[in-house]
PDB file of N, CA and C in Angstrom:
ATOM      1  N   MET A   1       0.846  -1.303   0.069  1.00  0.00           N
ATOM      2  CA  MET A   1       0.009  -0.037  -0.042  1.00  0.00           C
ATOM      3  C   MET A   1       0.722   1.343  -0.001  1.00  0.00           C
ATOM      4  N   PHE A   2       1.878   1.361   0.883  1.00  0.00           N
ATOM      5  CA  PHE A   2       2.695   2.599   0.862  1.00  0.00           C
ATOM      6  C   PHE A   2       3.607   2.687  -0.335  1.00  0.00           C
ATOM      7  N   LYS A   3       3.759   1.531  -0.960  1.00  0.00           N
ATOM      8  CA  LYS A   3       4.560   1.750  -2.287  1.00  0.00           C
ATOM      9  C   LYS A   3       3.558   2.314  -3.384  1.00  0.00           C
ATOM     10  N   ASN A   4       2.369   2.040  -3.369  1.00  0.00           N
ATOM     11  CA  ASN A   4       1.442   2.643  -4.336  1.00  0.00           C
ATOM     12  C   ASN A   4       1.388   4.198  -4.002  1.00  0.00           C
ATOM     13  N   ILE A   5       1.463   4.551  -2.663  1.00  0.00           N
ATOM     14  CA  ILE A   5       1.365   5.920  -2.442  1.00  0.00           C
ATOM     15  C   ILE A   5       2.540   6.723  -2.795  1.00  0.00           C
ATOM     16  N   ALA A   6       3.614   6.009  -2.678  1.00  0.00           N
ATOM     17  CA  ALA A   6       4.881   6.604  -3.184  1.00  0.00           C
ATOM     18  C   ALA A   6       4.952   6.645  -4.644  1.00  0.00           C
ATOM     19  N   ASN A   7       4.286   5.739  -5.270  1.00  0.00           N
ATOM     20  CA  ASN A   7       4.393   5.939  -6.859  1.00  0.00           C
ATOM     21  C   ASN A   7       3.397   7.009  -7.169  1.00  0.00           C
ATOM     22  N   LEU A   8       2.315   7.267  -6.562  1.00  0.00           N
ATOM     23  CA  LEU A   8       1.359   8.252  -6.824  1.00  0.00           C
ATOM     24  C   LEU A   8       2.052   9.584  -6.576  1.00  0.00           C
ATOM     25  N   ALA A   9       2.784   9.684  -5.509  1.00  0.00           N
ATOM     26  CA  ALA A   9       3.482  10.979  -5.231  1.00  0.00           C
ATOM     27  C   ALA A   9       4.399  11.340  -6.212  1.00  0.00           C
ATOM     28  N   ALA A  10       5.262  10.388  -6.704  1.00  0.00           N
ATOM     29  CA  ALA A  10       6.177  10.510  -7.821  1.00  0.00           C
ATOM     30  C   ALA A  10       5.539  10.912  -9.139  1.00  0.00           C
ATOM     31  N   MET A  11       4.344  10.332  -9.405  1.00  0.00           N
ATOM     32  CA  MET A  11       3.663  10.781 -10.645  1.00  0.00           C
ATOM     33  C   MET A  11       3.091  12.116 -10.596  1.00  0.00           C
ATOM     34  N   LEU A  12       2.573  12.487  -9.265  1.00  0.00           N
ATOM     35  CA  LEU A  12       2.140  13.883  -9.184  1.00  0.00           C
ATOM     36  C   LEU A  12       3.236  14.889  -9.212  1.00  0.00           C
ATOM     37  N   LYS A  13       4.347  14.522  -8.852  1.00  0.00           N
ATOM     38  CA  LYS A  13       5.535  15.470  -8.899  1.00  0.00           C
ATOM     39  C   LYS A  13       5.873  15.629 -10.419  1.00  0.00           C
ATOM     40  N   GLN A  14       5.949  14.482 -11.048  1.00  0.00           N
ATOM     41  CA  GLN A  14       6.269  14.484 -12.516  1.00  0.00           C
ATOM     42  C   GLN A  14       5.217  15.322 -13.251  1.00  0.00           C
ATOM     43  N   ALA A  15       3.961  15.129 -12.999  1.00  0.00           N
ATOM     44  CA  ALA A  15       2.821  16.075 -13.539  1.00  0.00           C
ATOM     45  C   ALA A  15       3.151  17.513 -13.299  1.00  0.00           C
ATOM     46  N   GLN A  16       3.455  17.834 -12.161  1.00  0.00           N
ATOM     47  CA  GLN A  16       3.832  19.250 -11.832  1.00  0.00           C
ATOM     48  C   GLN A  16       5.035  19.816 -12.600  1.00  0.00           C
ATOM     49  N   GLN A  17       6.101  18.903 -12.655  1.00  0.00           N
ATOM     50  CA  GLN A  17       7.210  19.312 -13.514  1.00  0.00           C
ATOM     51  C   GLN A  17       6.895  19.534 -14.996  1.00  0.00           C
ATOM     52  N   MET A  18       5.945  18.579 -15.565  1.00  0.00           N
ATOM     53  CA  MET A  18       5.620  18.663 -16.933  1.00  0.00           C
ATOM     54  C   MET A  18       4.720  20.008 -17.265  1.00  0.00           C
ATOM     55  N   LYS A  19       3.962  20.272 -16.150  1.00  0.00           N
ATOM     56  CA  LYS A  19       3.051  21.574 -16.255  1.00  0.00           C
ATOM     57  C   LYS A  19       3.959  22.760 -16.354  1.00  0.00           C
ATOM     58  N   GLY A  20       5.028  22.768 -15.540  1.00  0.00           N
ATOM     59  CA  GLY A  20       5.927  23.918 -15.617  1.00  0.00           C
ATOM     60  C   GLY A  20       6.797  23.917 -16.933  1.00  0.00           C
ATOM     61  N   ARG A  21       6.979  22.811 -17.450  1.00  0.00           N
ATOM     62  CA  ARG A  21       7.759  22.729 -18.798  1.00  0.00           C
ATOM     63  C   ARG A  21       6.818  23.220 -19.838  1.00  0.00           C
ATOM     64  N   LEU A  22       5.485  22.833 -19.753  1.00  0.00           N
ATOM     65  CA  LEU A  22       4.553  23.250 -20.826  1.00  0.00           C
ATOM     66  C   LEU A  22       4.440  24.734 -20.736  1.00  0.00           C
ATOM     67  N   GLY A  23       4.382  25.306 -19.535  1.00  0.00           N
ATOM     68  CA  GLY A  23       4.275  26.842 -19.388  1.00  0.00           C
ATOM     69  C   GLY A  23       5.597  27.518 -20.056  1.00  0.00           C
ATOM     70  N   ALA A  24       6.754  27.009 -19.727  1.00  0.00           N
ATOM     71  CA  ALA A  24       7.859  27.530 -20.402  1.00  0.00           C
ATOM     72  C   ALA A  24       7.967  27.426 -21.845  1.00  0.00           C
ATOM     73  N   LEU A  25       7.485  26.301 -22.459  1.00  0.00           N
ATOM     74  CA  LEU A  25       7.373  26.078 -23.816  1.00  0.00           C
ATOM     75  C   LEU A  25       6.406  27.084 -24.376  1.00  0.00           C
ATOM     76  N   GLN A  26       5.266  27.443 -23.783  1.00  0.00           N
ATOM     77  CA  GLN A  26       4.360  28.396 -24.368  1.00  0.00           C
ATOM     78  C   GLN A  26       5.105  29.738 -24.389  1.00  0.00           C
ATOM     79  N   GLU A  27       5.763  29.983 -23.279  1.00  0.00           N
ATOM     80  CA  GLU A  27       6.442  31.313 -23.355  1.00  0.00           C
ATOM     81  C   GLU A  27       7.549  31.444 -24.480  1.00  0.00           C
ATOM     82  N   ASP A  28       8.188  30.268 -24.682  1.00  0.00           N
ATOM     83  CA  ASP A  28       9.212  30.178 -25.686  1.00  0.00           C
ATOM     84  C   ASP A  28       8.527  30.318 -27.038  1.00  0.00           C
ATOM     85  N   LEU A  29       7.416  29.616 -27.514  1.00  0.00           N
ATOM     86  CA  LEU A  29       6.780  29.672 -28.551  1.00  0.00           C
ATOM     87  C   LEU A  29       6.309  31.040 -28.990  1.00  0.00           C
ATOM     88  N   LYS A  30       5.945  31.803 -27.778  1.00  0.00           N
ATOM     89  CA  LYS A  30       5.424  33.117 -28.192  1.00  0.00           C
ATOM     90  C   LYS A  30       6.538  34.036 -28.722  1.00  0.00           C
ATOM     91  N   LYS A  31       7.852  33.607 -28.392  1.00  0.00           N
ATOM     92  CA  LYS A  31       8.972  34.482 -28.682  1.00  0.00           C
ATOM     93  C   LYS A  31       9.466  34.075 -30.262  1.00  0.00           C
ATOM     94  N   LYS A  32       9.204  32.875 -30.686  1.00  0.00           N
ATOM     95  CA  LYS A  32       9.647  32.348 -32.001  1.00  0.00           C
ATOM     96  C   LYS A  32       8.636  32.955 -33.020  1.00  0.00           C
ATOM     97  N   ARG A  33       9.358  33.085 -34.184  1.00  0.00           N
ATOM     98  CA  ARG A  33       8.753  33.713 -35.339  1.00  0.00           C
ATOM     99  C   ARG A  33       8.803  32.859 -36.530  1.00  0.00           C
ATOM    100  N   VAL A  34       7.746  32.856 -37.273  1.00  0.00           N
ATOM    101  CA  VAL A  34       7.778  32.044 -38.785  1.00  0.00           C
ATOM    102  C   VAL A  34       7.132  32.963 -39.734  1.00  0.00           C
ATOM    103  N   VAL A  35       7.477  32.893 -40.890  1.00  0.00           N
ATOM    104  CA  VAL A  35       7.024  33.808 -42.065  1.00  0.00           C
ATOM    105  C   VAL A  35       6.400  32.974 -43.116  1.00  0.00           C
ATOM    106  N   GLY A  36       5.350  33.462 -43.628  1.00  0.00           N
ATOM    107  CA  GLY A  36       4.649  32.944 -44.694  1.00  0.00           C
ATOM    108  C   GLY A  36       4.608  34.029 -45.727  1.00  0.00           C
ATOM    109  N   ARG A  37       4.873  33.534 -47.111  1.00  0.00           N
ATOM    110  CA  ARG A  37       4.912  34.490 -48.085  1.00  0.00           C
ATOM    111  C   ARG A  37       4.181  33.958 -49.293  1.00  0.00           C
ATOM    112  N   SER A  38       3.554  34.924 -50.199  1.00  0.00           N
ATOM    113  CA  SER A  38       2.991  34.608 -51.327  1.00  0.00           C
ATOM    114  C   SER A  38       3.138  35.688 -52.408  1.00  0.00           C
ATOM    115  N   GLY A  39       2.792  35.255 -53.645  1.00  0.00           N
ATOM    116  CA  GLY A  39       2.918  36.328 -54.848  1.00  0.00           C
ATOM    117  C   GLY A  39       4.347  36.704 -54.989  1.00  0.00           C
ATOM    118  N   ALA A  40       5.316  35.877 -55.028  1.00  0.00           N
ATOM    119  CA  ALA A  40       6.798  36.204 -55.223  1.00  0.00           C
ATOM    120  C   ALA A  40       7.212  37.114 -54.180  1.00  0.00           C
ATOM    121  N   ASP A  41       6.821  37.030 -52.987  1.00  0.00           N
ATOM    122  CA  ASP A  41       7.136  37.773 -51.767  1.00  0.00           C
ATOM    123  C   ASP A  41       6.440  39.247 -51.751  1.00  0.00           C
ATOM    124  N   LEU A  42       5.236  39.305 -52.412  1.00  0.00           N
ATOM    125  CA  LEU A  42       4.502  40.614 -52.500  1.00  0.00           C
ATOM    126  C   LEU A  42       3.805  40.777 -51.221  1.00  0.00           C
ATOM    127  N   VAL A  43       3.482  39.603 -50.530  1.00  0.00           N
ATOM    128  CA  VAL A  43       2.820  39.574 -49.256  1.00  0.00           C
ATOM    129  C   VAL A  43       3.557  38.616 -48.233  1.00  0.00           C
ATOM    130  N   GLU A  44       3.919  39.285 -47.110  1.00  0.00           N
ATOM    131  CA  GLU A  44       4.649  38.505 -46.111  1.00  0.00           C
ATOM    132  C   GLU A  44       3.745  38.648 -44.816  1.00  0.00           C
ATOM    133  N   VAL A  45       3.564  37.379 -44.107  1.00  0.00           N
ATOM    134  CA  VAL A  45       2.913  37.405 -42.905  1.00  0.00           C
ATOM    135  C   VAL A  45       3.835  36.685 -41.907  1.00  0.00           C
ATOM    136  N   GLU A  46       3.896  37.368 -40.766  1.00  0.00           N
ATOM    137  CA  GLU A  46       4.666  36.789 -39.693  1.00  0.00           C
ATOM    138  C   GLU A  46       3.752  36.319 -38.525  1.00  0.00           C
ATOM    139  N   ALA A  47       4.085  35.165 -38.069  1.00  0.00           N
ATOM    140  CA  ALA A  47       3.309  34.610 -36.945  1.00  0.00           C
ATOM    141  C   ALA A  47       4.227  34.143 -35.795  1.00  0.00           C
ATOM    142  N   ASP A  48       3.762  34.103 -34.528  1.00  0.00           N
ATOM    143  CA  ASP A  48       4.545  33.437 -33.453  1.00  0.00           C
ATOM    144  C   ASP A  48       4.290  32.041 -33.454  1.00  0.00           C
ATOM    145  N   GLY A  49       5.107  31.295 -32.670  1.00  0.00           N
ATOM    146  CA  GLY A  49       5.001  29.871 -32.528  1.00  0.00           C
ATOM    147  C   GLY A  49       3.662  29.393 -31.972  1.00  0.00           C
ATOM    148  N   LEU A  50       2.839  30.169 -31.577  1.00  0.00           N
ATOM    149  CA  LEU A  50       1.511  29.700 -31.089  1.00  0.00           C
ATOM    150  C   LEU A  50       0.296  29.887 -32.168  1.00  0.00           C
ATOM    151  N   GLY A  51       0.760  30.512 -33.183  1.00  0.00           N
ATOM    152  CA  GLY A  51      -0.096  30.744 -34.479  1.00  0.00           C
ATOM    153  C   GLY A  51      -0.835  31.988 -34.428  1.00  0.00           C
ATOM    154  N   GLN A  52      -0.305  32.987 -33.662  1.00  0.00           N
ATOM    155  CA  GLN A  52      -0.913  34.368 -33.566  1.00  0.00           C
ATOM    156  C   GLN A  52      -0.086  35.175 -34.714  1.00  0.00           C
ATOM    157  N   ILE A  53      -0.971  35.776 -35.570  1.00  0.00           N
ATOM    158  CA  ILE A  53      -0.327  36.577 -36.552  1.00  0.00           C
ATOM    159  C   ILE A  53       0.168  38.013 -35.826  1.00  0.00           C
ATOM    160  N   VAL A  54       1.342  38.389 -36.149  1.00  0.00           N
ATOM    161  CA  VAL A  54       1.999  39.561 -35.458  1.00  0.00           C
ATOM    162  C   VAL A  54       2.423  40.596 -36.445  1.00  0.00           C
ATOM    163  N   ARG A  55       2.388  40.217 -37.729  1.00  0.00           N
ATOM    164  CA  ARG A  55       2.770  41.298 -38.711  1.00  0.00           C
ATOM    165  C   ARG A  55       2.277  40.959 -40.090  1.00  0.00           C
ATOM    166  N   VAL A  56       1.791  41.949 -40.936  1.00  0.00           N
ATOM    167  CA  VAL A  56       1.444  41.658 -42.300  1.00  0.00           C
ATOM    168  C   VAL A  56       2.248  42.664 -43.129  1.00  0.00           C
ATOM    169  N   THR A  57       2.926  42.354 -44.106  1.00  0.00           N
ATOM    170  CA  THR A  57       3.606  43.235 -44.918  1.00  0.00           C
ATOM    171  C   THR A  57       3.322  43.178 -46.414  1.00  0.00           C
ATOM    172  N   LEU A  58       2.831  44.280 -46.936  1.00  0.00           N
ATOM    173  CA  LEU A  58       2.487  44.246 -48.397  1.00  0.00           C
ATOM    174  C   LEU A  58       3.587  45.181 -49.143  1.00  0.00           C
ATOM    175  N   ASP A  59       3.898  44.542 -50.373  1.00  0.00           N
ATOM    176  CA  ASP A  59       4.691  45.324 -51.222  1.00  0.00           C
ATOM    177  C   ASP A  59       4.103  46.635 -51.621  1.00  0.00           C
ATOM    178  N   PRO A  60       4.773  47.688 -51.481  1.00  0.00           N
ATOM    179  CA  PRO A  60       4.110  48.910 -51.868  1.00  0.00           C
ATOM    180  C   PRO A  60       3.639  48.966 -53.407  1.00  0.00           C
ATOM    181  N   GLY A  61       4.319  48.381 -54.325  1.00  0.00           N
ATOM    182  CA  GLY A  61       3.778  48.340 -55.675  1.00  0.00           C
ATOM    183  C   GLY A  61       2.390  47.646 -55.775  1.00  0.00           C
ATOM    184  N   LEU A  62       2.300  46.573 -55.013  1.00  0.00           N
ATOM    185  CA  LEU A  62       1.111  45.890 -54.875  1.00  0.00           C
ATOM    186  C   LEU A  62      -0.120  46.808 -54.416  1.00  0.00           C
ATOM    187  N   VAL A  63       0.188  47.549 -53.441  1.00  0.00           N
ATOM    188  CA  VAL A  63      -0.786  48.440 -52.897  1.00  0.00           C
ATOM    189  C   VAL A  63      -1.148  49.525 -53.873  1.00  0.00           C
ATOM    190  N   GLU A  64      -0.162  50.038 -54.488  1.00  0.00           N
ATOM    191  CA  GLU A  64      -0.411  51.144 -55.538  1.00  0.00           C
ATOM    192  C   GLU A  64      -1.206  50.740 -56.536  1.00  0.00           C
ATOM    193  N   ARG A  65      -1.185  49.529 -56.982  1.00  0.00           N
ATOM    194  CA  ARG A  65      -2.013  48.966 -58.103  1.00  0.00           C
ATOM    195  C   ARG A  65      -3.375  48.880 -57.659  1.00  0.00           C
ATOM    196  N   ARG A  66      -3.705  48.819 -56.313  1.00  0.00           N
ATOM    197  CA  ARG A  66      -5.153  48.723 -55.927  1.00  0.00           C
ATOM    198  C   ARG A  66      -5.780  47.426 -56.611  1.00  0.00           C
ATOM    199  N   ASP A  67      -5.095  46.435 -56.527  1.00  0.00           N
ATOM    200  CA  ASP A  67      -5.642  45.220 -57.184  1.00  0.00           C
ATOM    201  C   ASP A  67      -6.209  44.379 -56.084  1.00  0.00           C
ATOM    202  N   ARG A  68      -7.530  44.735 -55.729  1.00  0.00           N
ATOM    203  CA  ARG A  68      -8.052  44.056 -54.481  1.00  0.00           C
ATOM    204  C   ARG A  68      -8.216  42.590 -54.736  1.00  0.00           C
ATOM    205  N   GLU A  69      -8.604  42.151 -55.917  1.00  0.00           N
ATOM    206  CA  GLU A  69      -8.751  40.720 -56.102  1.00  0.00           C
ATOM    207  C   GLU A  69      -7.444  39.967 -55.948  1.00  0.00           C
ATOM    208  N   LEU A  70      -6.275  40.561 -56.295  1.00  0.00           N
ATOM    209  CA  LEU A  70      -5.004  39.810 -56.126  1.00  0.00           C
ATOM    210  C   LEU A  70      -4.658  39.779 -54.645  1.00  0.00           C
ATOM    211  N   LEU A  71      -5.016  40.994 -53.965  1.00  0.00           N
ATOM    212  CA  LEU A  71      -4.699  40.979 -52.594  1.00  0.00           C
ATOM    213  C   LEU A  71      -5.570  39.913 -51.752  1.00  0.00           C
ATOM    214  N   GLU A  72      -6.831  39.903 -52.268  1.00  0.00           N
ATOM    215  CA  GLU A  72      -7.681  38.821 -51.589  1.00  0.00           C
ATOM    216  C   GLU A  72      -7.241  37.380 -51.741  1.00  0.00           C
ATOM    217  N   ASP A  73      -6.375  37.093 -52.821  1.00  0.00           N
ATOM    218  CA  ASP A  73      -5.775  35.806 -53.073  1.00  0.00           C
ATOM    219  C   ASP A  73      -4.509  35.687 -52.376  1.00  0.00           C
ATOM    220  N   LEU A  74      -3.621  36.635 -52.337  1.00  0.00           N
ATOM    221  CA  LEU A  74      -2.285  36.574 -51.781  1.00  0.00           C
ATOM    222  C   LEU A  74      -2.336  36.517 -50.266  1.00  0.00           C
ATOM    223  N   ILE A  75      -3.189  37.389 -49.605  1.00  0.00           N
ATOM    224  CA  ILE A  75      -3.144  37.507 -48.076  1.00  0.00           C
ATOM    225  C   ILE A  75      -3.575  36.157 -47.462  1.00  0.00           C
ATOM    226  N   PRO A  76      -4.502  35.451 -47.912  1.00  0.00           N
ATOM    227  CA  PRO A  76      -4.856  34.117 -47.248  1.00  0.00           C
ATOM    228  C   PRO A  76      -3.795  33.142 -47.477  1.00  0.00           C
ATOM    229  N   ALA A  77      -3.207  33.202 -48.720  1.00  0.00           N
ATOM    230  CA  ALA A  77      -2.196  32.206 -49.069  1.00  0.00           C
ATOM    231  C   ALA A  77      -1.019  32.365 -48.138  1.00  0.00           C
ATOM    232  N   ALA A  78      -0.610  33.599 -47.781  1.00  0.00           N
ATOM    233  CA  ALA A  78       0.656  33.867 -46.841  1.00  0.00           C
ATOM    234  C   ALA A  78       0.034  33.573 -45.549  1.00  0.00           C
ATOM    235  N   VAL A  79      -1.021  33.746 -45.154  1.00  0.00           N
ATOM    236  CA  VAL A  79      -1.521  33.610 -43.627  1.00  0.00           C
ATOM    237  C   VAL A  79      -1.466  32.069 -43.580  1.00  0.00           C
ATOM    238  N   ASN A  80      -1.970  31.353 -44.527  1.00  0.00           N
ATOM    239  CA  ASN A  80      -2.002  29.938 -44.255  1.00  0.00           C
ATOM    240  C   ASN A  80      -0.710  29.198 -44.209  1.00  0.00           C
ATOM    241  N   GLN A  81       0.190  29.813 -44.980  1.00  0.00           N
ATOM    242  CA  GLN A  81       1.699  29.192 -44.991  1.00  0.00           C
ATOM    243  C   GLN A  81       2.375  29.607 -43.588  1.00  0.00           C
ATOM    244  N   ALA A  82       2.016  30.717 -43.036  1.00  0.00           N
ATOM    245  CA  ALA A  82       2.562  31.083 -41.694  1.00  0.00           C
ATOM    246  C   ALA A  82       1.986  30.286 -40.674  1.00  0.00           C
ATOM    247  N   LEU A  83       0.765  30.132 -40.751  1.00  0.00           N
ATOM    248  CA  LEU A  83       0.114  29.191 -39.667  1.00  0.00           C
ATOM    249  C   LEU A  83       0.542  27.705 -39.761  1.00  0.00           C
ATOM    250  N   ALA A  84       0.748  27.119 -40.944  1.00  0.00           N
ATOM    251  CA  ALA A  84       1.239  25.768 -41.116  1.00  0.00           C
ATOM    252  C   ALA A  84       2.640  25.727 -40.503  1.00  0.00           C
ATOM    253  N   LYS A  85       3.424  26.690 -40.752  1.00  0.00           N
ATOM    254  CA  LYS A  85       4.722  26.662 -40.164  1.00  0.00           C
ATOM    255  C   LYS A  85       4.758  26.708 -38.631  1.00  0.00           C
ATOM    256  N   ALA A  86       3.828  27.533 -38.128  1.00  0.00           N
ATOM    257  CA  ALA A  86       3.686  27.803 -36.653  1.00  0.00           C
ATOM    258  C   ALA A  86       3.240  26.386 -36.074  1.00  0.00           C
ATOM    259  N   LYS A  87       2.281  25.693 -36.704  1.00  0.00           N
ATOM    260  CA  LYS A  87       1.757  24.441 -36.127  1.00  0.00           C
ATOM    261  C   LYS A  87       2.930  23.431 -36.161  1.00  0.00           C
ATOM    262  N   GLN A  88       3.754  23.404 -37.267  1.00  0.00           N
ATOM    263  CA  GLN A  88       4.802  22.562 -37.319  1.00  0.00           C
ATOM    264  C   GLN A  88       5.806  22.846 -36.177  1.00  0.00           C
ATOM    265  N   LEU A  89       6.085  24.014 -35.837  1.00  0.00           N
ATOM    266  CA  LEU A  89       7.046  24.505 -34.816  1.00  0.00           C
ATOM    267  C   LEU A  89       6.492  24.020 -33.544  1.00  0.00           C
ATOM    268  N   HIS A  90       5.079  24.132 -33.296  1.00  0.00           N
ATOM    269  CA  HIS A  90       4.610  23.781 -32.073  1.00  0.00           C
ATOM    270  C   HIS A  90       4.730  22.183 -31.881  1.00  0.00           C
ATOM    271  N   ALA A  91       4.419  21.426 -32.945  1.00  0.00           N
ATOM    272  CA  ALA A  91       4.377  20.068 -32.934  1.00  0.00           C
ATOM    273  C   ALA A  91       5.736  19.532 -32.605  1.00  0.00           C
ATOM    274  N   ASP A  92       6.755  20.153 -33.175  1.00  0.00           N
ATOM    275  CA  ASP A  92       8.253  19.759 -33.027  1.00  0.00           C
ATOM    276  C   ASP A  92       8.619  20.135 -31.592  1.00  0.00           C
ATOM    277  N   ALA A  93       8.230  21.233 -30.921  1.00  0.00           N
ATOM    278  CA  ALA A  93       8.422  21.548 -29.617  1.00  0.00           C
ATOM    279  C   ALA A  93       7.894  20.575 -28.578  1.00  0.00           C
ATOM    280  N   LEU A  94       6.514  20.115 -28.964  1.00  0.00           N
ATOM    281  CA  LEU A  94       5.991  19.085 -28.048  1.00  0.00           C
ATOM    282  C   LEU A  94       6.726  17.759 -28.069  1.00  0.00           C
ATOM    283  N   ARG A  95       7.057  17.466 -29.317  1.00  0.00           N
ATOM    284  CA  ARG A  95       7.974  16.157 -29.430  1.00  0.00           C
ATOM    285  C   ARG A  95       9.057  16.316 -28.643  1.00  0.00           C
ATOM    286  N   ASP A  96       9.778  17.349 -28.721  1.00  0.00           N
ATOM    287  CA  ASP A  96      11.022  17.563 -27.948  1.00  0.00           C
ATOM    288  C   ASP A  96      10.815  17.576 -26.547  1.00  0.00           C
ATOM    289  N   LEU A  97       9.778  18.102 -26.088  1.00  0.00           N
ATOM    290  CA  LEU A  97       9.510  18.170 -24.653  1.00  0.00           C
ATOM    291  C   LEU A  97       9.095  16.701 -24.067  1.00  0.00           C
ATOM    292  N   SER A  98       8.637  15.892 -24.976  1.00  0.00           N
ATOM    293  CA  SER A  98       8.217  14.465 -24.497  1.00  0.00           C
ATOM    294  C   SER A  98       9.507  13.662 -24.327  1.00  0.00           C
ATOM    295  N   GLY A  99      10.597  14.097 -24.951  1.00  0.00           N
ATOM    296  CA  GLY A  99      11.904  13.383 -24.705  1.00  0.00           C
ATOM    297  C   GLY A  99      11.885  11.950 -25.274  1.00  0.00           C
ATOM    298  N   GLY A 100      11.051  11.840 -26.437  1.00  0.00           N
ATOM    299  CA  GLY A 100      11.016  10.464 -27.074  1.00  0.00           C
ATOM    300  C   GLY A 100      10.266   9.416 -26.330  1.00  0.00           C
ATOM    301  N   LEU A 101       9.422   9.935 -25.389  1.00  0.00           N
ATOM    302  CA  LEU A 101       8.545   8.975 -24.669  1.00  0.00           C
ATOM    303  C   LEU A 101       7.427   8.473 -25.559  1.00  0.00           C
ATOM    304  N   ASP A 102       6.942   7.372 -25.460  1.00  0.00           N
ATOM    305  CA  ASP A 102       5.850   6.822 -26.450  1.00  0.00           C
ATOM    306  C   ASP A 102       4.516   7.271 -25.664  1.00  0.00           C
ATOM    307  N   LEU A 103       3.981   8.459 -25.986  1.00  0.00           N
ATOM    308  CA  LEU A 103       2.837   8.906 -25.378  1.00  0.00           C
ATOM    309  C   LEU A 103       1.673   8.820 -26.485  1.00  0.00           C
ATOM    310  N   PRO A 104       0.937   8.045 -26.467  1.00  0.00           N
ATOM    311  CA  PRO A 104      -0.255   7.950 -27.409  1.00  0.00           C
ATOM    312  C   PRO A 104      -0.937   9.244 -27.538  1.00  0.00           C
ATOM    313  N   GLN A 105      -1.284   9.885 -26.441  1.00  0.00           N
ATOM    314  CA  GLN A 105      -2.125  11.136 -26.400  1.00  0.00           C
ATOM    315  C   GLN A 105      -1.279  12.187 -27.127  1.00  0.00           C
ATOM    316  N   LEU A 106       0.054  12.120 -27.182  1.00  0.00           N
ATOM    317  CA  LEU A 106       0.862  13.291 -27.721  1.00  0.00           C
ATOM    318  C   LEU A 106       0.542  13.237 -29.245  1.00  0.00           C
ATOM    319  N   ASP A 107       0.582  12.086 -29.893  1.00  0.00           N
ATOM    320  CA  ASP A 107       0.396  12.131 -31.345  1.00  0.00           C
ATOM    321  C   ASP A 107      -1.079  12.470 -31.588  1.00  0.00           C
ATOM    322  N   GLU A 108      -2.032  12.208 -30.786  1.00  0.00           N
ATOM    323  CA  GLU A 108      -3.330  12.723 -31.012  1.00  0.00           C
ATOM    324  C   GLU A 108      -3.395  14.245 -30.841  1.00  0.00           C
ATOM    325  N   MET A 109      -2.696  14.813 -29.842  1.00  0.00           N
ATOM    326  CA  MET A 109      -2.589  16.237 -29.759  1.00  0.00           C
ATOM    327  C   MET A 109      -1.982  16.957 -30.795  1.00  0.00           C
ATOM    328  N   ILE A 110      -0.915  16.367 -31.343  1.00  0.00           N
ATOM    329  CA  ILE A 110      -0.175  16.933 -32.453  1.00  0.00           C
ATOM    330  C   ILE A 110      -1.034  16.972 -33.666  1.00  0.00           C
ATOM    331  N   ALA A 111      -1.788  15.791 -33.896  1.00  0.00           N
ATOM    332  CA  ALA A 111      -2.748  15.718 -35.082  1.00  0.00           C
ATOM    333  C   ALA A 111      -3.859  16.706 -34.949  1.00  0.00           C
ATOM    334  N   ASN A 112      -4.240  17.018 -33.842  1.00  0.00           N
ATOM    335  CA  ASN A 112      -5.349  18.159 -33.592  1.00  0.00           C
ATOM    336  C   ASN A 112      -4.884  19.382 -33.989  1.00  0.00           C
ATOM    337  N   LEU A 113      -3.523  19.689 -33.737  1.00  0.00           N
ATOM    338  CA  LEU A 113      -2.999  20.950 -34.189  1.00  0.00           C
ATOM    339  C   LEU A 113      -3.186  21.254 -35.594  1.00  0.00           C
ATOM    340  N   ASP A 114      -3.233  20.154 -36.352  1.00  0.00           N
ATOM    341  CA  ASP A 114      -3.353  20.348 -37.864  1.00  0.00           C
ATOM    342  C   ASP A 114      -4.912  20.656 -38.222  1.00  0.00           C
ATOM    343  N   LYS A 115      -5.612  20.353 -37.352  1.00  0.00           N
ATOM    344  CA  LYS A 115      -7.138  20.653 -37.604  1.00  0.00           C
ATOM    345  C   LYS A 115      -7.584  21.996 -37.292  1.00  0.00           C
ATOM    346  N   GLY A 116      -6.636  22.759 -36.576  1.00  0.00           N
ATOM    347  CA  GLY A 116      -6.904  24.012 -36.142  1.00  0.00           C
ATOM    348  C   GLY A 116      -7.658  24.067 -34.956  1.00  0.00           C
TER     349      GLY A 116
END
């Protein structure tokens, strides 16, 4: 019985450590940046590692042309590329955090990142 209590205490301690690591990971991902581009770099979108858009840059020539239809095509393409890169960065960080442990829920969590 005491052995089970000791095991439970060890598991709780590991869970608390993991929670701390996840918090640190979130802070680290907030600082990381990825960039999505479209239209031969006419549109550039920067996102953080959590998938939050932090900057959009439009080529001045593109804006001067006032080609609304082209902008409507290029902006989502650049945003989607930036978000895909952010999701991959996040997934890689989670895999690194797990230290190669075989955690079935981790693969499911990472798969859910792709679903948005």
